Each structure stands twice: as C-alpha cells, then as structure tokens.
N, C-alpha and C. Protein backbone atom coordinates (compact mmCIF):
# COMPACT_ATOMS: atom_id res chain seq x y z
N MET A 1 -19.09 -0.01 -0.04
CA MET A 1 -18.19 -1.28 0.43
C MET A 1 -18.57 -1.25 2.12
N LYS A 2 -18.15 -1.81 2.63
CA LYS A 2 -18.95 -1.95 4.28
C LYS A 2 -17.05 -1.47 4.65
N PRO A 3 -17.29 -1.01 6.00
CA PRO A 3 -16.16 -0.36 6.57
C PRO A 3 -15.03 -1.28 6.91
N ASN A 4 -15.31 -2.89 7.43
CA ASN A 4 -14.72 -4.19 7.89
C ASN A 4 -13.67 -4.73 6.08
N ASP A 5 -14.92 -4.52 5.57
CA ASP A 5 -14.07 -4.94 3.72
C ASP A 5 -13.15 -3.92 3.48
N LEU A 6 -13.36 -2.59 3.71
CA LEU A 6 -12.01 -2.10 3.29
C LEU A 6 -10.63 -2.30 4.20
N GLU A 7 -11.56 -2.41 5.45
CA GLU A 7 -10.26 -2.98 6.61
C GLU A 7 -9.40 -3.51 5.73
N GLU A 8 -9.80 -4.54 5.62
CA GLU A 8 -9.63 -6.17 5.56
C GLU A 8 -8.59 -6.11 3.53
N ARG A 9 -9.06 -5.54 3.41
CA ARG A 9 -8.32 -5.08 2.04
C ARG A 9 -6.83 -4.19 1.94
N LEU A 10 -7.55 -3.19 2.41
CA LEU A 10 -6.33 -2.72 3.15
C LEU A 10 -5.10 -3.45 3.97
N ILE A 11 -5.50 -4.43 4.63
CA ILE A 11 -4.26 -4.75 5.57
C ILE A 11 -3.80 -5.79 4.21
N GLN A 12 -4.65 -6.64 3.50
CA GLN A 12 -4.55 -7.63 2.11
C GLN A 12 -3.44 -6.59 1.56
N PHE A 13 -3.01 -5.98 1.01
CA PHE A 13 -2.54 -4.95 0.30
C PHE A 13 -1.08 -5.37 1.34
N SER A 14 -1.27 -4.80 2.44
CA SER A 14 0.28 -4.29 3.01
C SER A 14 0.69 -5.93 3.16
N VAL A 15 -0.37 -6.43 3.25
CA VAL A 15 0.74 -7.99 3.43
C VAL A 15 0.90 -8.15 2.32
N ASN A 16 0.58 -8.35 0.71
CA ASN A 16 0.96 -7.97 -0.28
C ASN A 16 2.98 -7.61 -0.99
N VAL A 17 2.35 -6.43 -0.55
CA VAL A 17 3.32 -5.41 -0.75
C VAL A 17 4.33 -6.07 0.23
N ILE A 18 4.53 -6.81 1.77
CA ILE A 18 6.00 -7.12 1.66
C ILE A 18 5.96 -8.49 1.35
N LEU A 19 5.43 -8.96 1.08
CA LEU A 19 5.46 -10.45 0.01
C LEU A 19 5.89 -10.20 -0.87
N LEU A 20 5.67 -8.89 -2.08
CA LEU A 20 6.45 -8.48 -2.88
C LEU A 20 7.76 -8.47 -2.40
N TYR A 21 8.55 -8.02 -1.20
CA TYR A 21 10.07 -7.63 -1.19
C TYR A 21 10.80 -9.35 -1.59
N LYS A 22 10.72 -10.31 -1.60
CA LYS A 22 10.77 -11.90 -2.19
C LYS A 22 11.26 -11.81 -3.87
N GLY A 23 10.29 -11.01 -4.22
CA GLY A 23 10.33 -11.31 -6.32
C GLY A 23 11.21 -10.00 -6.21
N LEU A 24 12.04 -8.99 -5.87
CA LEU A 24 12.83 -8.27 -6.43
C LEU A 24 14.42 -8.85 -6.44
N ASP A 25 14.80 -7.82 -7.78
CA ASP A 25 16.34 -8.01 -8.02
C ASP A 25 17.00 -7.88 -7.10
N GLY A 26 17.05 -7.55 -6.05
CA GLY A 26 18.27 -7.24 -4.84
C GLY A 26 19.14 -5.81 -5.37
N SER A 27 18.55 -5.25 -6.39
CA SER A 27 19.65 -3.82 -6.24
C SER A 27 19.25 -2.96 -5.30
N PHE A 28 20.11 -1.92 -4.96
CA PHE A 28 19.83 -0.72 -4.19
C PHE A 28 18.83 0.00 -4.46
N THR A 29 18.34 0.39 -6.12
CA THR A 29 16.99 1.10 -5.90
C THR A 29 15.73 0.52 -5.91
N SER A 30 15.97 -1.07 -5.56
CA SER A 30 14.36 -1.79 -5.65
C SER A 30 14.42 -2.01 -3.81
N GLU A 31 15.67 -1.84 -3.49
CA GLU A 31 15.34 -2.13 -1.34
C GLU A 31 15.09 -0.92 -1.53
N HIS A 32 15.19 0.19 -2.00
CA HIS A 32 15.30 1.85 -1.61
C HIS A 32 13.25 1.63 -1.70
N LEU A 33 13.24 1.38 -2.92
CA LEU A 33 11.62 1.48 -3.41
C LEU A 33 10.80 0.42 -2.71
N ILE A 34 11.35 -0.94 -2.56
CA ILE A 34 9.98 -1.30 -1.50
C ILE A 34 9.83 -1.22 -0.06
N LYS A 35 11.35 -0.66 0.63
CA LYS A 35 10.91 0.11 1.85
C LYS A 35 10.23 1.08 2.10
N GLN A 36 10.31 1.93 0.87
CA GLN A 36 9.19 3.24 1.25
C GLN A 36 7.12 2.05 0.91
N LEU A 37 7.58 1.57 -0.02
CA LEU A 37 5.95 1.11 0.18
C LEU A 37 5.76 0.35 0.97
N ILE A 38 6.47 -0.69 1.66
CA ILE A 38 6.25 -0.94 2.78
C ILE A 38 5.67 -0.17 4.16
N ARG A 39 6.44 1.18 3.76
CA ARG A 39 6.25 2.02 5.18
C ARG A 39 4.46 2.91 4.43
N SER A 40 4.08 3.01 3.17
CA SER A 40 2.96 3.64 3.06
C SER A 40 2.02 2.69 2.73
N ALA A 41 2.55 1.89 2.52
CA ALA A 41 0.94 1.08 2.30
C ALA A 41 0.84 0.15 3.72
N THR A 42 1.26 -0.04 4.65
CA THR A 42 1.31 -0.28 6.34
C THR A 42 0.43 0.82 6.86
N SER A 43 1.15 2.17 6.14
CA SER A 43 0.55 3.13 6.83
C SER A 43 -0.56 3.56 7.10
N ALA A 44 -1.29 2.88 5.06
CA ALA A 44 -2.58 3.45 4.51
C ALA A 44 -3.62 2.76 5.32
N ALA A 45 -3.25 1.38 5.72
CA ALA A 45 -3.86 0.32 6.45
C ALA A 45 -4.37 0.99 7.73
N LEU A 46 -3.20 1.17 8.43
CA LEU A 46 -2.91 1.27 10.18
C LEU A 46 -4.42 3.23 10.55
N LYS A 47 -3.28 3.96 9.33
CA LYS A 47 -4.56 5.20 9.32
C LYS A 47 -5.72 5.13 9.15
N TYR A 48 -6.41 4.08 8.15
CA TYR A 48 -7.87 3.74 8.18
C TYR A 48 -8.36 3.96 9.70
N GLY A 49 -7.38 2.30 10.23
CA GLY A 49 -8.15 1.89 11.16
C GLY A 49 -8.17 2.90 12.47
N GLU A 50 -7.73 4.07 12.63
CA GLU A 50 -7.46 5.55 13.10
C GLU A 50 -8.26 6.37 13.04
N ALA A 51 -9.08 6.27 11.67
CA ALA A 51 -9.80 6.90 11.13
C ALA A 51 -11.58 6.37 11.39
N ARG A 52 -11.86 5.70 11.65
CA ARG A 52 -12.12 4.28 11.84
C ARG A 52 -12.89 5.38 13.17
N SER A 53 -12.54 5.21 13.71
CA SER A 53 -12.21 5.76 15.47
C SER A 53 -11.97 7.21 15.88
N GLY A 54 -12.10 8.04 14.37
CA GLY A 54 -12.45 9.20 14.37
C GLY A 54 -13.28 10.15 15.76
N GLU A 55 -12.82 11.00 15.93
CA GLU A 55 -13.67 11.62 17.03
C GLU A 55 -14.54 13.07 16.53
N SER A 56 -14.90 12.81 15.67
CA SER A 56 -15.54 13.37 14.54
C SER A 56 -15.13 13.57 13.39
N ASP A 57 -16.54 13.86 12.97
CA ASP A 57 -16.63 13.64 11.39
C ASP A 57 -15.62 14.46 10.76
N ARG A 58 -14.85 15.31 10.81
CA ARG A 58 -13.45 16.15 10.74
C ARG A 58 -12.83 15.84 10.70
N ASP A 59 -11.71 14.88 11.83
CA ASP A 59 -11.24 14.24 12.28
C ASP A 59 -10.86 12.97 11.14
N PHE A 60 -12.39 12.14 11.17
CA PHE A 60 -12.59 11.17 9.89
C PHE A 60 -11.41 11.24 8.92
N LEU A 61 -12.56 12.75 8.46
CA LEU A 61 -11.37 13.30 7.18
C LEU A 61 -10.61 13.19 7.10
N HIS A 62 -10.13 14.01 8.05
CA HIS A 62 -8.72 14.41 8.15
C HIS A 62 -8.05 13.20 7.81
N LYS A 63 -8.47 12.15 8.53
CA LYS A 63 -6.89 10.88 8.74
C LYS A 63 -7.47 10.19 6.93
N MET A 64 -8.74 9.86 6.75
CA MET A 64 -8.74 9.62 5.36
C MET A 64 -8.28 9.93 4.15
N LYS A 65 -7.83 11.48 4.37
CA LYS A 65 -7.39 11.78 3.41
C LYS A 65 -5.73 11.54 3.80
N ILE A 66 -5.32 11.76 4.95
CA ILE A 66 -4.04 11.05 4.88
C ILE A 66 -3.49 9.37 4.49
N CYS A 67 -4.80 8.65 3.95
CA CYS A 67 -4.94 7.23 4.03
C CYS A 67 -4.36 7.66 2.72
N LEU A 68 -5.18 8.37 2.10
CA LEU A 68 -5.38 8.55 0.56
C LEU A 68 -4.36 8.83 0.04
N LYS A 69 -3.80 10.00 0.84
CA LYS A 69 -2.43 10.26 0.22
C LYS A 69 -1.62 9.30 0.35
N GLU A 70 -1.18 8.25 0.90
CA GLU A 70 -0.74 7.22 1.56
C GLU A 70 -0.38 6.29 0.36
N LEU A 71 -1.82 6.09 -0.05
CA LEU A 71 -2.31 4.87 -1.31
C LEU A 71 -1.69 5.74 -2.58
N ARG A 72 -1.74 6.68 -2.93
CA ARG A 72 -1.26 7.76 -3.91
C ARG A 72 -0.01 6.99 -4.14
N GLU A 73 0.87 7.21 -2.84
CA GLU A 73 2.26 7.21 -2.84
C GLU A 73 2.35 5.56 -3.34
N CYS A 74 2.21 4.79 -2.86
CA CYS A 74 1.80 3.80 -3.28
C CYS A 74 1.51 2.71 -4.83
N PHE A 75 0.65 4.10 -5.68
CA PHE A 75 0.07 3.51 -6.42
C PHE A 75 1.49 3.96 -7.98
N ILE A 76 2.27 5.91 -6.68
CA ILE A 76 3.44 5.64 -8.10
C ILE A 76 4.50 4.72 -7.93
N ASN A 77 4.90 4.28 -6.81
CA ASN A 77 6.29 3.26 -6.47
C ASN A 77 6.02 2.35 -7.23
N ILE A 78 4.59 1.49 -7.55
CA ILE A 78 4.49 0.28 -7.75
C ILE A 78 4.75 0.66 -9.62
N LYS A 79 4.37 1.55 -10.17
CA LYS A 79 4.33 2.15 -11.11
C LYS A 79 5.51 2.08 -11.89
N ILE A 80 7.01 3.02 -10.52
CA ILE A 80 7.74 2.92 -10.46
C ILE A 80 8.27 1.37 -10.87
N LEU A 81 8.64 0.62 -9.96
CA LEU A 81 8.86 -0.90 -10.09
C LEU A 81 8.11 -1.40 -11.45
N ARG A 82 7.51 -1.61 -11.62
CA ARG A 82 7.13 -1.96 -13.12
C ARG A 82 7.58 -1.62 -13.94
N GLY A 83 7.65 0.00 -14.47
CA GLY A 83 8.30 0.78 -15.19
C GLY A 83 10.12 0.64 -15.18
N ALA A 84 10.49 0.02 -13.82
CA ALA A 84 11.94 0.08 -14.66
C ALA A 84 12.50 -1.50 -14.19
N ASP A 85 11.40 -2.93 -14.14
CA ASP A 85 11.70 -3.84 -14.41
C ASP A 85 12.33 -4.35 -13.22
N LEU A 86 11.95 -3.67 -11.84
CA LEU A 86 13.04 -4.63 -11.04
C LEU A 86 12.43 -5.24 -9.98
N VAL A 87 10.94 -5.88 -9.99
CA VAL A 87 10.16 -7.00 -9.67
C VAL A 87 10.59 -8.60 -10.55
N LYS A 88 10.95 -9.69 -10.13
CA LYS A 88 11.06 -10.17 -10.94
C LYS A 88 9.71 -11.57 -10.98
N ASN A 89 8.69 -11.44 -9.77
CA ASN A 89 8.07 -12.28 -9.98
C ASN A 89 6.74 -10.98 -10.26
N ASN A 90 6.56 -11.10 -11.26
CA ASN A 90 5.42 -10.39 -11.62
C ASN A 90 3.64 -10.65 -11.55
N VAL A 91 3.37 -12.35 -11.13
CA VAL A 91 2.31 -12.93 -10.18
C VAL A 91 2.43 -12.10 -8.97
N GLN A 92 3.49 -11.70 -7.54
CA GLN A 92 3.57 -11.08 -6.88
C GLN A 92 3.01 -9.55 -7.52
N LEU A 93 3.16 -8.97 -8.55
CA LEU A 93 3.32 -7.41 -8.92
C LEU A 93 1.88 -7.70 -9.01
N ARG A 94 1.17 -8.12 -9.59
CA ARG A 94 -0.19 -8.40 -10.25
C ARG A 94 -1.04 -8.43 -9.21
N ASN A 95 -0.97 -9.14 -7.62
CA ASN A 95 -1.58 -8.88 -6.50
C ASN A 95 -1.96 -8.02 -6.30
N LEU A 96 -0.63 -7.52 -5.95
CA LEU A 96 -0.77 -4.93 -5.75
C LEU A 96 -2.19 -4.64 -6.72
N ASP A 97 -2.36 -5.02 -7.83
CA ASP A 97 -3.15 -4.26 -8.72
C ASP A 97 -4.33 -5.55 -8.89
N ASP A 98 -4.85 -5.74 -7.67
CA ASP A 98 -5.97 -6.77 -7.40
C ASP A 98 -8.05 -5.95 -7.23
N ARG A 99 -8.25 -6.02 -8.35
CA ARG A 99 -9.22 -4.48 -8.21
C ARG A 99 -11.32 -5.06 -8.00
N LYS A 100 -10.64 -6.23 -7.08
CA LYS A 100 -12.36 -6.61 -7.12
C LYS A 100 -13.39 -5.61 -6.54
C-alpha cells in the first residue's frame, strides 16, 4: 500500500466515525464513547501525517506506534458500541469495518 493510500484510508475512517455520531441512540454512554472514538480516530490520521514527515527513522517509528495505539483504541471502542447495541444505523457501523 502506498503512503498516500493509507493516509486517505485513515482520513476516510475518521470521516466515517464522525458520521457515525448521527446513528447513535443518544444515551450518555453512546455520547461518551463516540466522543472518545472521534478523538482517537482523528488522532490516528493526524499522527500518520506527522509520521510521514518524521525527522529520523526512529522518530517515524515512534509516531507510527502512537498511531497504532490510537487505532487499537478505536477497534475496542467500536466493539463496545457494537456489543452494547448503541448504534441505530448498522450501515454506518459496517462502514467502519471496511477492509478493502
């Protein structure tokens, strides 16, 4: 995968997470989780952009590790949202699991 392709996928993932907000049930729990999901998803995209301009190989790897940590957080958050059945629009939830 080319670096620009990964960047675009991370950006689209962030957009899909933001759009997921509209499909929530409106409870305190879903609000809490989606806000954290938005922070971690957008952070992963932004950190990847930072990593691409790393000052050294070590700096690049450090930033990519942070990006990966943010994506792992997203994955668990999505599993919680799905498991607790907090998302009304399952199409938007499936859009987050787009593994092309």
